[in-house]
Amino acid sequence: MGRVGPSLGGVAKRARIADALENTPENLIRWIRDPRSIDTHTSMPTMQISESKARDIAAYLYTLK
């Protein structure tokens, strides 16, 4: 059905990001920008996203319930 990862709801409540990193804003930004540097087997693609845009995405994700 095209689903690869978990729901993004409740990201702020999770202890870890991708089972690899402590859930902090800086780590989430790092994951958004270059997930394969953290987990070479992830299905999440490396996007060409600026640090500023990654900060905006992370801030949004932390608002999801």
PDB file of N, CA and C in Angstrom:
ATOM      1  N   MET A   1       0.803  -1.199   0.000  1.00  0.00           N
ATOM      2  CA  MET A   1       0.000   0.000   0.000  1.00  0.00           C
ATOM      3  C   MET A   1       0.852   1.272   0.000  1.00  0.00           C
ATOM      4  N   GLY A   2       2.131   1.137  -0.215  1.00  0.00           N
ATOM      5  CA  GLY A   2       2.982   2.317  -0.280  1.00  0.00           C
ATOM      6  C   GLY A   2       3.458   2.827   1.063  1.00  0.00           C
ATOM      7  N   ARG A   3       3.233   2.086   2.116  1.00  0.00           N
ATOM      8  CA  ARG A   3       3.677   2.526   3.440  1.00  0.00           C
ATOM      9  C   ARG A   3       5.024   1.904   3.754  1.00  0.00           C
ATOM     10  N   VAL A   4       5.965   2.748   4.118  1.00  0.00           N
ATOM     11  CA  VAL A   4       7.294   2.263   4.425  1.00  0.00           C
ATOM     12  C   VAL A   4       7.632   2.475   5.895  1.00  0.00           C
ATOM     13  N   GLY A   5       7.338   3.655   6.405  1.00  0.00           N
ATOM     14  CA  GLY A   5       7.701   3.987   7.779  1.00  0.00           C
ATOM     15  C   GLY A   5       6.488   4.126   8.665  1.00  0.00           C
ATOM     16  N   PRO A   6       6.742   4.368   9.945  1.00  0.00           N
ATOM     17  CA  PRO A   6       5.648   4.530  10.897  1.00  0.00           C
ATOM     18  C   PRO A   6       4.952   5.868  10.710  1.00  0.00           C
ATOM     19  N   SER A   7       3.825   6.005  11.354  1.00  0.00           N
ATOM     20  CA  SER A   7       3.121   7.289  11.374  1.00  0.00           C
ATOM     21  C   SER A   7       4.034   8.351  11.970  1.00  0.00           C
ATOM     22  N   LEU A   8       3.902   9.560  11.490  1.00  0.00           N
ATOM     23  CA  LEU A   8       4.705  10.654  12.035  1.00  0.00           C
ATOM     24  C   LEU A   8       4.031  11.312  13.238  1.00  0.00           C
ATOM     25  N   GLY A   9       2.795  10.929  13.510  1.00  0.00           N
ATOM     26  CA  GLY A   9       2.114  11.441  14.687  1.00  0.00           C
ATOM     27  C   GLY A   9       2.855  11.048  15.951  1.00  0.00           C
ATOM     28  N   GLY A  10       2.961  11.965  16.880  1.00  0.00           N
ATOM     29  CA  GLY A  10       3.596  11.681  18.154  1.00  0.00           C
ATOM     30  C   GLY A  10       5.115  11.621  18.118  1.00  0.00           C
ATOM     31  N   VAL A  11       5.721  12.173  17.090  1.00  0.00           N
ATOM     32  CA  VAL A  11       7.186  12.151  16.981  1.00  0.00           C
ATOM     33  C   VAL A  11       7.829  12.753  18.237  1.00  0.00           C
ATOM     34  N   ALA A  12       7.272  13.809  18.755  1.00  0.00           N
ATOM     35  CA  ALA A  12       7.864  14.487  19.918  1.00  0.00           C
ATOM     36  C   ALA A  12       7.913  13.592  21.152  1.00  0.00           C
ATOM     37  N   LYS A  13       7.020  12.616  21.240  1.00  0.00           N
ATOM     38  CA  LYS A  13       6.960  11.744  22.413  1.00  0.00           C
ATOM     39  C   LYS A  13       7.901  10.545  22.314  1.00  0.00           C
ATOM     40  N   ARG A  14       8.468  10.331  21.159  1.00  0.00           N
ATOM     41  CA  ARG A  14       9.339   9.162  20.977  1.00  0.00           C
ATOM     42  C   ARG A  14      10.711   9.418  21.586  1.00  0.00           C
ATOM     43  N   ALA A  15      11.285   8.378  22.153  1.00  0.00           N
ATOM     44  CA  ALA A  15      12.600   8.507  22.787  1.00  0.00           C
ATOM     45  C   ALA A  15      13.725   8.564  21.749  1.00  0.00           C
ATOM     46  N   ARG A  16      13.505   7.889  20.606  1.00  0.00           N
ATOM     47  CA  ARG A  16      14.571   7.779  19.620  1.00  0.00           C
ATOM     48  C   ARG A  16      14.064   8.087  18.217  1.00  0.00           C
ATOM     49  N   ILE A  17      14.970   8.487  17.382  1.00  0.00           N
ATOM     50  CA  ILE A  17      14.699   8.719  15.966  1.00  0.00           C
ATOM     51  C   ILE A  17      15.331   7.568  15.204  1.00  0.00           C
ATOM     52  N   ALA A  18      14.520   6.855  14.433  1.00  0.00           N
ATOM     53  CA  ALA A  18      14.993   5.741  13.608  1.00  0.00           C
ATOM     54  C   ALA A  18      15.723   4.684  14.435  1.00  0.00           C
ATOM     55  N   ASP A  19      15.342   4.535  15.668  1.00  0.00           N
ATOM     56  CA  ASP A  19      15.988   3.574  16.576  1.00  0.00           C
ATOM     57  C   ASP A  19      17.493   3.776  16.672  1.00  0.00           C
ATOM     58  N   ALA A  20      17.974   4.961  16.305  1.00  0.00           N
ATOM     59  CA  ALA A  20      19.418   5.174  16.268  1.00  0.00           C
ATOM     60  C   ALA A  20      19.881   6.400  17.045  1.00  0.00           C
ATOM     61  N   LEU A  21      19.046   7.417  17.121  1.00  0.00           N
ATOM     62  CA  LEU A  21      19.455   8.685  17.716  1.00  0.00           C
ATOM     63  C   LEU A  21      18.509   9.101  18.826  1.00  0.00           C
ATOM     64  N   GLU A  22      19.049   9.762  19.840  1.00  0.00           N
ATOM     65  CA  GLU A  22      18.203  10.375  20.854  1.00  0.00           C
ATOM     66  C   GLU A  22      17.314  11.408  20.155  1.00  0.00           C
ATOM     67  N   ASN A  23      16.066  11.490  20.566  1.00  0.00           N
ATOM     68  CA  ASN A  23      15.127  12.404  19.926  1.00  0.00           C
ATOM     69  C   ASN A  23      15.361  13.831  20.436  1.00  0.00           C
ATOM     70  N   THR A  24      16.173  14.554  19.684  1.00  0.00           N
ATOM     71  CA  THR A  24      16.415  15.974  19.937  1.00  0.00           C
ATOM     72  C   THR A  24      16.168  16.722  18.640  1.00  0.00           C
ATOM     73  N   PRO A  25      15.880  18.016  18.713  1.00  0.00           N
ATOM     74  CA  PRO A  25      15.687  18.768  17.469  1.00  0.00           C
ATOM     75  C   PRO A  25      16.891  18.680  16.528  1.00  0.00           C
ATOM     76  N   GLU A  26      18.096  18.781  17.054  1.00  0.00           N
ATOM     77  CA  GLU A  26      19.283  18.725  16.191  1.00  0.00           C
ATOM     78  C   GLU A  26      19.413  17.370  15.514  1.00  0.00           C
ATOM     79  N   ASN A  27      19.110  16.300  16.231  1.00  0.00           N
ATOM     80  CA  ASN A  27      19.181  14.970  15.618  1.00  0.00           C
ATOM     81  C   ASN A  27      18.094  14.771  14.584  1.00  0.00           C
ATOM     82  N   LEU A  28      16.909  15.307  14.831  1.00  0.00           N
ATOM     83  CA  LEU A  28      15.842  15.183  13.842  1.00  0.00           C
ATOM     84  C   LEU A  28      16.215  15.955  12.576  1.00  0.00           C
ATOM     85  N   ILE A  29      16.794  17.111  12.740  1.00  0.00           N
ATOM     86  CA  ILE A  29      17.248  17.889  11.581  1.00  0.00           C
ATOM     87  C   ILE A  29      18.303  17.100  10.809  1.00  0.00           C
ATOM     88  N   ARG A  30      19.214  16.507  11.530  1.00  0.00           N
ATOM     89  CA  ARG A  30      20.252  15.679  10.891  1.00  0.00           C
ATOM     90  C   ARG A  30      19.624  14.523  10.122  1.00  0.00           C
ATOM     91  N   TRP A  31      18.645  13.853  10.727  1.00  0.00           N
ATOM     92  CA  TRP A  31      17.951  12.734  10.088  1.00  0.00           C
ATOM     93  C   TRP A  31      17.218  13.193   8.829  1.00  0.00           C
ATOM     94  N   ILE A  32      16.535  14.312   8.905  1.00  0.00           N
ATOM     95  CA  ILE A  32      15.792  14.831   7.757  1.00  0.00           C
ATOM     96  C   ILE A  32      16.745  15.138   6.605  1.00  0.00           C
ATOM     97  N   ARG A  33      17.877  15.711   6.907  1.00  0.00           N
ATOM     98  CA  ARG A  33      18.817  16.125   5.859  1.00  0.00           C
ATOM     99  C   ARG A  33      19.596  14.971   5.248  1.00  0.00           C
ATOM    100  N   ASP A  34      20.001  13.995   6.063  1.00  0.00           N
ATOM    101  CA  ASP A  34      20.851  12.931   5.533  1.00  0.00           C
ATOM    102  C   ASP A  34      20.651  11.632   6.314  1.00  0.00           C
ATOM    103  N   PRO A  35      19.493  10.986   6.144  1.00  0.00           N
ATOM    104  CA  PRO A  35      19.196   9.790   6.932  1.00  0.00           C
ATOM    105  C   PRO A  35      20.157   8.633   6.680  1.00  0.00           C
ATOM    106  N   ARG A  36      20.704   8.556   5.514  1.00  0.00           N
ATOM    107  CA  ARG A  36      21.596   7.423   5.199  1.00  0.00           C
ATOM    108  C   ARG A  36      22.957   7.545   5.866  1.00  0.00           C
ATOM    109  N   SER A  37      23.287   8.722   6.371  1.00  0.00           N
ATOM    110  CA  SER A  37      24.523   8.851   7.149  1.00  0.00           C
ATOM    111  C   SER A  37      24.337   8.238   8.539  1.00  0.00           C
ATOM    112  N   ILE A  38      23.087   8.054   8.927  1.00  0.00           N
ATOM    113  CA  ILE A  38      22.755   7.484  10.231  1.00  0.00           C
ATOM    114  C   ILE A  38      22.421   5.998  10.101  1.00  0.00           C
ATOM    115  N   ASP A  39      21.677   5.653   9.061  1.00  0.00           N
ATOM    116  CA  ASP A  39      21.280   4.259   8.820  1.00  0.00           C
ATOM    117  C   ASP A  39      21.393   3.983   7.325  1.00  0.00           C
ATOM    118  N   THR A  40      22.426   3.269   6.947  1.00  0.00           N
ATOM    119  CA  THR A  40      22.673   3.016   5.523  1.00  0.00           C
ATOM    120  C   THR A  40      21.600   2.152   4.879  1.00  0.00           C
ATOM    121  N   HIS A  41      20.774   1.483   5.681  1.00  0.00           N
ATOM    122  CA  HIS A  41      19.741   0.598   5.140  1.00  0.00           C
ATOM    123  C   HIS A  41      18.343   1.224   5.135  1.00  0.00           C
ATOM    124  N   THR A  42      18.249   2.493   5.503  1.00  0.00           N
ATOM    125  CA  THR A  42      16.939   3.127   5.546  1.00  0.00           C
ATOM    126  C   THR A  42      16.344   3.274   4.149  1.00  0.00           C
ATOM    127  N   SER A  43      15.029   3.269   4.095  1.00  0.00           N
ATOM    128  CA  SER A  43      14.338   3.510   2.825  1.00  0.00           C
ATOM    129  C   SER A  43      14.149   5.004   2.575  1.00  0.00           C
ATOM    130  N   MET A  44      14.372   5.802   3.609  1.00  0.00           N
ATOM    131  CA  MET A  44      14.196   7.251   3.463  1.00  0.00           C
ATOM    132  C   MET A  44      15.320   7.812   2.597  1.00  0.00           C
ATOM    133  N   PRO A  45      14.956   8.522   1.555  1.00  0.00           N
ATOM    134  CA  PRO A  45      15.990   9.062   0.667  1.00  0.00           C
ATOM    135  C   PRO A  45      16.679  10.279   1.277  1.00  0.00           C
ATOM    136  N   THR A  46      17.902  10.492   0.858  1.00  0.00           N
ATOM    137  CA  THR A  46      18.601  11.716   1.231  1.00  0.00           C
ATOM    138  C   THR A  46      18.077  12.825   0.332  1.00  0.00           C
ATOM    139  N   MET A  47      17.545  13.851   0.961  1.00  0.00           N
ATOM    140  CA  MET A  47      16.953  14.960   0.216  1.00  0.00           C
ATOM    141  C   MET A  47      17.928  16.135   0.218  1.00  0.00           C
ATOM    142  N   GLN A  48      17.852  16.932  -0.774  1.00  0.00           N
ATOM    143  CA  GLN A  48      18.679  18.136  -0.837  1.00  0.00           C
ATOM    144  C   GLN A  48      17.914  19.277  -0.151  1.00  0.00           C
ATOM    145  N   ILE A  49      17.858  19.208   1.170  1.00  0.00           N
ATOM    146  CA  ILE A  49      17.093  20.173   1.949  1.00  0.00           C
ATOM    147  C   ILE A  49      18.069  21.033   2.739  1.00  0.00           C
ATOM    148  N   SER A  50      17.860  22.329   2.707  1.00  0.00           N
ATOM    149  CA  SER A  50      18.727  23.232   3.463  1.00  0.00           C
ATOM    150  C   SER A  50      18.507  23.036   4.957  1.00  0.00           C
ATOM    151  N   GLU A  51      19.462  23.469   5.738  1.00  0.00           N
ATOM    152  CA  GLU A  51      19.334  23.384   7.196  1.00  0.00           C
ATOM    153  C   GLU A  51      18.105  24.159   7.659  1.00  0.00           C
ATOM    154  N   SER A  52      17.862  25.307   7.069  1.00  0.00           N
ATOM    155  CA  SER A  52      16.711  26.126   7.445  1.00  0.00           C
ATOM    156  C   SER A  52      15.391  25.399   7.182  1.00  0.00           C
ATOM    157  N   LYS A  53      15.274  24.792   6.032  1.00  0.00           N
ATOM    158  CA  LYS A  53      14.047  24.052   5.708  1.00  0.00           C
ATOM    159  C   LYS A  53      13.906  22.820   6.605  1.00  0.00           C
ATOM    160  N   ALA A  54      15.015  22.145   6.887  1.00  0.00           N
ATOM    161  CA  ALA A  54      14.970  20.984   7.776  1.00  0.00           C
ATOM    162  C   ALA A  54      14.524  21.407   9.180  1.00  0.00           C
ATOM    163  N   ARG A  55      14.949  22.582   9.632  1.00  0.00           N
ATOM    164  CA  ARG A  55      14.494  23.099  10.931  1.00  0.00           C
ATOM    165  C   ARG A  55      12.987  23.334  10.910  1.00  0.00           C
ATOM    166  N   ASP A  56      12.492  23.879   9.822  1.00  0.00           N
ATOM    167  CA  ASP A  56      11.046  24.107   9.698  1.00  0.00           C
ATOM    168  C   ASP A  56      10.282  22.780   9.709  1.00  0.00           C
ATOM    169  N   ILE A  57      10.776  21.795   8.991  1.00  0.00           N
ATOM    170  CA  ILE A  57      10.125  20.484   8.951  1.00  0.00           C
ATOM    171  C   ILE A  57      10.140  19.847  10.334  1.00  0.00           C
ATOM    172  N   ALA A  58      11.281  19.903  11.010  1.00  0.00           N
ATOM    173  CA  ALA A  58      11.387  19.330  12.358  1.00  0.00           C
ATOM    174  C   ALA A  58      10.419  20.026  13.309  1.00  0.00           C
ATOM    175  N   ALA A  59      10.352  21.344  13.242  1.00  0.00           N
ATOM    176  CA  ALA A  59       9.432  22.089  14.112  1.00  0.00           C
ATOM    177  C   ALA A  59       7.993  21.652  13.859  1.00  0.00           C
ATOM    178  N   TYR A  60       7.630  21.470  12.597  1.00  0.00           N
ATOM    179  CA  TYR A  60       6.292  20.998  12.261  1.00  0.00           C
ATOM    180  C   TYR A  60       6.050  19.594  12.811  1.00  0.00           C
ATOM    181  N   LEU A  61       7.002  18.690  12.604  1.00  0.00           N
ATOM    182  CA  LEU A  61       6.831  17.318  13.057  1.00  0.00           C
ATOM    183  C   LEU A  61       6.621  17.249  14.570  1.00  0.00           C
ATOM    184  N   TYR A  62       7.285  18.117  15.311  1.00  0.00           N
ATOM    185  CA  TYR A  62       7.120  18.125  16.760  1.00  0.00           C
ATOM    186  C   TYR A  62       5.750  18.622  17.201  1.00  0.00           C
ATOM    187  N   THR A  63       4.976  19.194  16.290  1.00  0.00           N
ATOM    188  CA  THR A  63       3.624  19.645  16.650  1.00  0.00           C
ATOM    189  C   THR A  63       2.578  18.554  16.447  1.00  0.00           C
ATOM    190  N   LEU A  64       2.924  17.499  15.721  1.00  0.00           N
ATOM    191  CA  LEU A  64       1.949  16.461  15.400  1.00  0.00           C
ATOM    192  C   LEU A  64       1.581  15.635  16.635  1.00  0.00           C
ATOM    193  N   LYS A  65       0.319  15.385  16.780  1.00  0.00           N
ATOM    194  CA  LYS A  65      -0.181  14.599  17.940  1.00  0.00           C
ATOM    195  C   LYS A  65      -0.301  13.150  17.578  1.00  0.00           C
TER     196      LYS A  65
END
